[in-house]
């Protein structure tokens, strides 16, 4: 979605190395399939000099090691370079920590499995996907329910 927001004009994407390994693997597969240059590393090492080449940056909060951070400052820096900021957040942790939207994230995603569907039930498990209003027409898939634009379409 970050790539589509920039209409394919920015061909690099940055992912924090502290995402779950399985999430990184899925992103690698998708980026390879559509020709996006994927960079995986420490958020502190994001190449700010080339920020305008990146369509987006993704972090996880809490991360793979259980660390929780406030990414509000990072979000503001990314907005200055028009880079789409995605936070993968544990939905249950949002009861205790600052949610992605309040940190300034453009996109928030995560698993909702911990909301009561046991692993033994099979799957696939539910997830959530939210974005700022400006990007709602760029969301992949279908929006459930009735949706109308300002022209009544």
C-alpha atoms as a PDB file:
ATOM      1  CA  UNK A   1       0.000   0.000   0.000  1.00  0.00           C
ATOM      2  CA  UNK A   2       2.884   2.381   0.760  1.00  0.00           C
ATOM      3  CA  UNK A   3       4.235   1.710  -2.729  1.00  0.00           C
ATOM      4  CA  UNK A   4       0.815   2.387  -4.285  1.00  0.00           C
ATOM      5  CA  UNK A   5       0.411   5.646  -2.352  1.00  0.00           C
ATOM      6  CA  UNK A   6       3.464   6.923  -4.234  1.00  0.00           C
ATOM      7  CA  UNK A   7       2.166   5.464  -7.509  1.00  0.00           C
ATOM      8  CA  UNK A   8       5.326   3.405  -7.966  1.00  0.00           C
ATOM      9  CA  UNK A   9       7.638   6.444  -8.042  1.00  0.00           C
ATOM     10  CA  UNK A  10       9.499   5.390  -4.892  1.00  0.00           C
ATOM     11  CA  UNK A  11      10.969   1.922  -5.184  1.00  0.00           C
ATOM     12  CA  UNK A  12      12.535   1.297  -1.744  1.00  0.00           C
ATOM     13  CA  UNK A  13      10.952   0.153   1.510  1.00  0.00           C
ATOM     14  CA  UNK A  14      12.526   0.005   4.973  1.00  0.00           C
ATOM     15  CA  UNK A  15      11.589  -2.604   7.585  1.00  0.00           C
ATOM     16  CA  UNK A  16      12.827  -2.730  11.161  1.00  0.00           C
ATOM     17  CA  UNK A  17      14.864  -5.818  11.908  1.00  0.00           C
ATOM     18  CA  UNK A  18      12.834  -6.221  15.120  1.00  0.00           C
ATOM     19  CA  UNK A  19       9.645  -7.296  13.318  1.00  0.00           C
ATOM     20  CA  UNK A  20       8.656 -10.914  13.826  1.00  0.00           C
ATOM     21  CA  UNK A  21      10.814 -13.060  11.495  1.00  0.00           C
ATOM     22  CA  UNK A  22       7.741 -14.554   9.819  1.00  0.00           C
ATOM     23  CA  UNK A  23       6.464 -11.043   9.038  1.00  0.00           C
ATOM     24  CA  UNK A  24       9.802 -10.102   7.483  1.00  0.00           C
ATOM     25  CA  UNK A  25       9.675 -13.261   5.348  1.00  0.00           C
ATOM     26  CA  UNK A  26       6.224 -12.375   3.999  1.00  0.00           C
ATOM     27  CA  UNK A  27       7.382  -8.832   3.197  1.00  0.00           C
ATOM     28  CA  UNK A  28      10.491 -10.183   1.432  1.00  0.00           C
ATOM     29  CA  UNK A  29       8.310 -12.388  -0.763  1.00  0.00           C
ATOM     30  CA  UNK A  30       5.916  -9.571  -1.672  1.00  0.00           C
ATOM     31  CA  UNK A  31       8.673  -7.034  -2.361  1.00  0.00           C
ATOM     32  CA  UNK A  32      10.551  -9.500  -4.553  1.00  0.00           C
ATOM     33  CA  UNK A  33       7.387 -10.260  -6.534  1.00  0.00           C
ATOM     34  CA  UNK A  34       6.649  -6.617  -7.386  1.00  0.00           C
ATOM     35  CA  UNK A  35      10.218  -5.321  -7.629  1.00  0.00           C
ATOM     36  CA  UNK A  36      10.514  -3.241  -4.468  1.00  0.00           C
ATOM     37  CA  UNK A  37      14.029  -2.784  -3.069  1.00  0.00           C
ATOM     38  CA  UNK A  38      13.646  -3.960   0.548  1.00  0.00           C
ATOM     39  CA  UNK A  39      16.017  -2.735   3.273  1.00  0.00           C
ATOM     40  CA  UNK A  40      16.002  -4.445   6.671  1.00  0.00           C
ATOM     41  CA  UNK A  41      17.867  -2.858   9.544  1.00  0.00           C
ATOM     42  CA  UNK A  42      17.832  -0.828  12.713  1.00  0.00           C
ATOM     43  CA  UNK A  43      15.404   2.088  12.651  1.00  0.00           C
ATOM     44  CA  UNK A  44      18.215   4.269  14.011  1.00  0.00           C
ATOM     45  CA  UNK A  45      20.163   3.482  10.796  1.00  0.00           C
ATOM     46  CA  UNK A  46      17.399   4.635   8.421  1.00  0.00           C
ATOM     47  CA  UNK A  47      19.163   6.592   5.635  1.00  0.00           C
ATOM     48  CA  UNK A  48      17.604  10.044   6.147  1.00  0.00           C
ATOM     49  CA  UNK A  49      19.687  11.498   3.306  1.00  0.00           C
ATOM     50  CA  UNK A  50      17.795   9.206   0.900  1.00  0.00           C
ATOM     51  CA  UNK A  51      14.412   9.294   2.680  1.00  0.00           C
ATOM     52  CA  UNK A  52      12.684  10.651  -0.440  1.00  0.00           C
ATOM     53  CA  UNK A  53      13.572   7.372  -2.242  1.00  0.00           C
ATOM     54  CA  UNK A  54      11.581   5.306   0.277  1.00  0.00           C
ATOM     55  CA  UNK A  55       7.856   4.742  -0.105  1.00  0.00           C
ATOM     56  CA  UNK A  56       7.539   3.627   3.495  1.00  0.00           C
ATOM     57  CA  UNK A  57       8.947   2.404   6.772  1.00  0.00           C
ATOM     58  CA  UNK A  58       7.499  -0.340   9.009  1.00  0.00           C
ATOM     59  CA  UNK A  59       8.128  -0.998  12.689  1.00  0.00           C
ATOM     60  CA  UNK A  60       6.542  -3.269  15.267  1.00  0.00           C
ATOM     61  CA  UNK A  61       5.419  -2.177  18.717  1.00  0.00           C
ATOM     62  CA  UNK A  62       5.975  -4.106  20.970  1.00  0.00           C
ATOM     63  CA  UNK A  63       8.754  -5.582  18.858  1.00  0.00           C
ATOM     64  CA  UNK A  64      10.056  -9.135  18.586  1.00  0.00           C
ATOM     65  CA  UNK A  65      11.983  -8.682  21.838  1.00  0.00           C
ATOM     66  CA  UNK A  66       9.098  -7.154  23.819  1.00  0.00           C
ATOM     67  CA  UNK A  67      10.450  -3.603  23.648  1.00  0.00           C
ATOM     68  CA  UNK A  68       7.880  -0.801  23.629  1.00  0.00           C
ATOM     69  CA  UNK A  69       8.749   2.636  22.258  1.00  0.00           C
ATOM     70  CA  UNK A  70       6.985   5.866  21.435  1.00  0.00           C
ATOM     71  CA  UNK A  71       7.601   6.537  17.730  1.00  0.00           C
ATOM     72  CA  UNK A  72       5.957   9.986  17.612  1.00  0.00           C
ATOM     73  CA  UNK A  73       9.220  11.773  16.779  1.00  0.00           C
ATOM     74  CA  UNK A  74      10.077   9.258  14.047  1.00  0.00           C
ATOM     75  CA  UNK A  75       6.592   9.719  12.621  1.00  0.00           C
ATOM     76  CA  UNK A  76       7.065  13.469  12.323  1.00  0.00           C
ATOM     77  CA  UNK A  77      10.418  13.022  10.576  1.00  0.00           C
ATOM     78  CA  UNK A  78       8.826  10.603   8.094  1.00  0.00           C
ATOM     79  CA  UNK A  79       5.965  13.001   7.366  1.00  0.00           C
ATOM     80  CA  UNK A  80       8.523  15.677   6.485  1.00  0.00           C
ATOM     81  CA  UNK A  81       9.872  13.355   3.773  1.00  0.00           C
ATOM     82  CA  UNK A  82       6.387  12.142   2.717  1.00  0.00           C
ATOM     83  CA  UNK A  83       7.270   8.567   3.665  1.00  0.00           C
ATOM     84  CA  UNK A  84       4.356   6.303   4.698  1.00  0.00           C
ATOM     85  CA  UNK A  85       4.738   5.085   8.298  1.00  0.00           C
ATOM     86  CA  UNK A  86       3.318   1.687   9.256  1.00  0.00           C
ATOM     87  CA  UNK A  87       3.158   0.263  12.761  1.00  0.00           C
ATOM     88  CA  UNK A  88       2.464  -3.415  13.362  1.00  0.00           C
ATOM     89  CA  UNK A  89       0.853  -3.411  16.794  1.00  0.00           C
ATOM     90  CA  UNK A  90      -0.351  -6.107  19.151  1.00  0.00           C
ATOM     91  CA  UNK A  91      -4.032  -5.249  19.488  1.00  0.00           C
ATOM     92  CA  UNK A  92      -4.220  -6.200  23.164  1.00  0.00           C
ATOM     93  CA  UNK A  93      -1.174  -4.079  24.039  1.00  0.00           C
ATOM     94  CA  UNK A  94      -3.072  -1.002  22.876  1.00  0.00           C
ATOM     95  CA  UNK A  95      -4.906  -1.047  26.214  1.00  0.00           C
ATOM     96  CA  UNK A  96      -1.648  -0.064  27.899  1.00  0.00           C
ATOM     97  CA  UNK A  97       0.535   1.697  25.333  1.00  0.00           C
ATOM     98  CA  UNK A  98       0.071   4.662  23.027  1.00  0.00           C
ATOM     99  CA  UNK A  99      -1.802   3.478  19.905  1.00  0.00           C
ATOM    100  CA  UNK A 100      -0.317   3.864  16.396  1.00  0.00           C
ATOM    101  CA  UNK A 101      -2.679   6.663  15.378  1.00  0.00           C
ATOM    102  CA  UNK A 102      -1.675   8.805  18.347  1.00  0.00           C
ATOM    103  CA  UNK A 103       1.972   8.232  17.433  1.00  0.00           C
ATOM    104  CA  UNK A 104       1.251   9.559  13.949  1.00  0.00           C
ATOM    105  CA  UNK A 105       1.274   6.284  12.011  1.00  0.00           C
ATOM    106  CA  UNK A 106      -0.320   6.363   8.565  1.00  0.00           C
ATOM    107  CA  UNK A 107      -1.123   2.644   8.669  1.00  0.00           C
ATOM    108  CA  UNK A 108      -1.730   0.289  11.601  1.00  0.00           C
ATOM    109  CA  UNK A 109      -1.893  -3.474  11.148  1.00  0.00           C
ATOM    110  CA  UNK A 110      -1.742  -6.549  13.316  1.00  0.00           C
ATOM    111  CA  UNK A 111      -3.164  -9.863  14.343  1.00  0.00           C
ATOM    112  CA  UNK A 112      -6.400 -10.087  16.277  1.00  0.00           C
ATOM    113  CA  UNK A 113      -5.895 -13.776  17.093  1.00  0.00           C
ATOM    114  CA  UNK A 114      -5.397 -13.051  20.777  1.00  0.00           C
ATOM    115  CA  UNK A 115      -8.944 -11.701  20.977  1.00  0.00           C
ATOM    116  CA  UNK A 116     -10.288 -15.168  21.679  1.00  0.00           C
ATOM    117  CA  UNK A 117      -9.824 -17.583  18.764  1.00  0.00           C
ATOM    118  CA  UNK A 118      -7.623 -20.428  19.994  1.00  0.00           C
ATOM    119  CA  UNK A 119      -4.684 -21.610  17.877  1.00  0.00           C
ATOM    120  CA  UNK A 120      -6.123 -25.123  17.815  1.00  0.00           C
ATOM    121  CA  UNK A 121      -9.229 -23.821  16.051  1.00  0.00           C
ATOM    122  CA  UNK A 122      -7.341 -23.900  12.778  1.00  0.00           C
ATOM    123  CA  UNK A 123      -7.227 -20.519  11.127  1.00  0.00           C
ATOM    124  CA  UNK A 124      -6.736 -18.338   9.330  1.00  0.00           C
ATOM    125  CA  UNK A 125      -6.930 -15.968  12.235  1.00  0.00           C
ATOM    126  CA  UNK A 126      -8.353 -12.470  12.014  1.00  0.00           C
ATOM    127  CA  UNK A 127      -6.254  -9.388  11.637  1.00  0.00           C
ATOM    128  CA  UNK A 128      -6.876  -5.680  11.548  1.00  0.00           C
ATOM    129  CA  UNK A 129      -5.847  -3.017   9.072  1.00  0.00           C
ATOM    130  CA  UNK A 130      -6.438   0.710   9.486  1.00  0.00           C
ATOM    131  CA  UNK A 131      -5.130   3.815   7.783  1.00  0.00           C
ATOM    132  CA  UNK A 132      -5.506   7.568   7.783  1.00  0.00           C
ATOM    133  CA  UNK A 133      -8.493   8.928   5.905  1.00  0.00           C
ATOM    134  CA  UNK A 134      -6.309  10.263   3.086  1.00  0.00           C
ATOM    135  CA  UNK A 135      -5.234   6.704   2.163  1.00  0.00           C
ATOM    136  CA  UNK A 136      -8.559   4.860   2.503  1.00  0.00           C
ATOM    137  CA  UNK A 137      -9.017   4.533  -1.288  1.00  0.00           C
ATOM    138  CA  UNK A 138      -5.563   2.937  -1.524  1.00  0.00           C
ATOM    139  CA  UNK A 139      -6.431   0.079   0.849  1.00  0.00           C
ATOM    140  CA  UNK A 140      -5.997  -3.386  -0.661  1.00  0.00           C
ATOM    141  CA  UNK A 141      -9.007  -5.679  -0.837  1.00  0.00           C
ATOM    142  CA  UNK A 142     -12.563  -4.660  -0.238  1.00  0.00           C
ATOM    143  CA  UNK A 143     -14.123  -2.452   2.364  1.00  0.00           C
ATOM    144  CA  UNK A 144     -17.049  -4.195   4.016  1.00  0.00           C
ATOM    145  CA  UNK A 145     -20.354  -2.365   4.164  1.00  0.00           C
ATOM    146  CA  UNK A 146     -21.601   0.649   2.315  1.00  0.00           C
ATOM    147  CA  UNK A 147     -18.997   3.140   1.185  1.00  0.00           C
ATOM    148  CA  UNK A 148     -19.703   6.372  -0.659  1.00  0.00           C
ATOM    149  CA  UNK A 149     -17.426   9.141  -1.804  1.00  0.00           C
ATOM    150  CA  UNK A 150     -18.248  12.869  -1.743  1.00  0.00           C
ATOM    151  CA  UNK A 151     -19.976  12.549  -5.142  1.00  0.00           C
ATOM    152  CA  UNK A 152     -22.344   9.825  -3.906  1.00  0.00           C
ATOM    153  CA  UNK A 153     -20.556   7.054  -5.844  1.00  0.00           C
END
